[in-house]
Amino acid sequence: MTATADPTATAATDFTARARNLLRTGGPEDGSSWLEHVLGWTLVVVVAMFVTQVGWL
């Protein structure tokens, strides 16, 4: 008896791989640069300062 690939499992794996590629949001990759982190935290600080000055809470 030889082992053969289950066509249903192979089709499900192919579908999952295609769906994962289609649903990517285009966000940063795993190896994003330090500049993206610095700019992100700068934005957080600026928004926090703005909210504090306006008085929203």
Protein backbone atom coordinates (compact mmCIF):
# COMPACT_ATOMS: atom_id res chain seq x y z
CA MET A 1 0.00 0.00 0.00
CA THR A 2 1.46 3.35 -1.00
CA ALA A 3 0.68 6.70 0.58
CA THR A 4 -0.93 9.24 -1.72
CA ALA A 5 -1.83 12.84 -1.05
CA ASP A 6 -5.45 13.45 -0.20
CA PRO A 7 -6.84 15.72 -2.96
CA THR A 8 -9.20 17.40 -0.49
CA ALA A 9 -6.36 18.30 1.90
CA THR A 10 -4.22 19.59 -0.98
CA ALA A 11 -7.07 21.73 -2.32
CA ALA A 12 -7.77 23.12 1.14
CA THR A 13 -4.10 23.99 1.61
CA ASP A 14 -3.97 25.72 -1.79
CA PHE A 15 -7.15 27.65 -1.00
CA THR A 16 -5.79 28.73 2.39
CA ALA A 17 -2.53 29.94 0.85
CA ARG A 18 -4.36 31.94 -1.84
CA ALA A 19 -6.79 33.43 0.67
CA ARG A 20 -3.92 34.46 2.97
CA ASN A 21 -2.21 36.28 0.08
CA LEU A 22 -5.43 38.04 -0.94
CA LEU A 23 -6.24 39.18 2.59
CA ARG A 24 -2.91 40.86 3.31
CA THR A 25 -3.38 44.47 4.29
CA GLY A 26 -0.09 45.73 2.94
CA GLY A 27 1.23 46.61 6.37
CA PRO A 28 4.88 46.54 7.35
CA GLU A 29 6.83 43.33 6.98
CA ASP A 30 8.33 41.50 9.95
CA GLY A 31 11.70 43.21 9.43
CA SER A 32 10.42 46.80 9.44
CA SER A 33 12.99 49.52 9.89
CA TRP A 34 13.65 51.58 12.99
CA LEU A 35 12.46 54.71 11.17
CA GLU A 36 8.91 53.35 10.99
CA HIS A 37 8.93 52.73 14.75
CA VAL A 38 10.29 56.21 15.51
CA LEU A 39 7.72 57.89 13.27
CA GLY A 40 4.92 55.79 14.76
CA TRP A 41 5.83 56.70 18.34
CA THR A 42 6.24 60.36 17.32
CA LEU A 43 2.70 60.30 15.97
CA VAL A 44 1.46 58.77 19.22
CA VAL A 45 3.15 61.51 21.26
CA VAL A 46 1.84 64.31 19.02
CA VAL A 47 -1.73 62.98 19.21
CA ALA A 48 -1.43 62.63 23.00
CA MET A 49 -0.19 66.24 23.29
CA PHE A 50 -3.04 67.47 21.08
CA VAL A 51 -5.67 65.59 23.08
CA THR A 52 -4.20 66.92 26.33
CA GLN A 53 -4.24 70.52 25.07
CA VAL A 54 -7.81 70.27 23.75
CA GLY A 55 -9.03 68.69 26.97
CA TRP A 56 -10.73 65.58 25.60
CA LEU A 57 -10.84 62.70 28.01
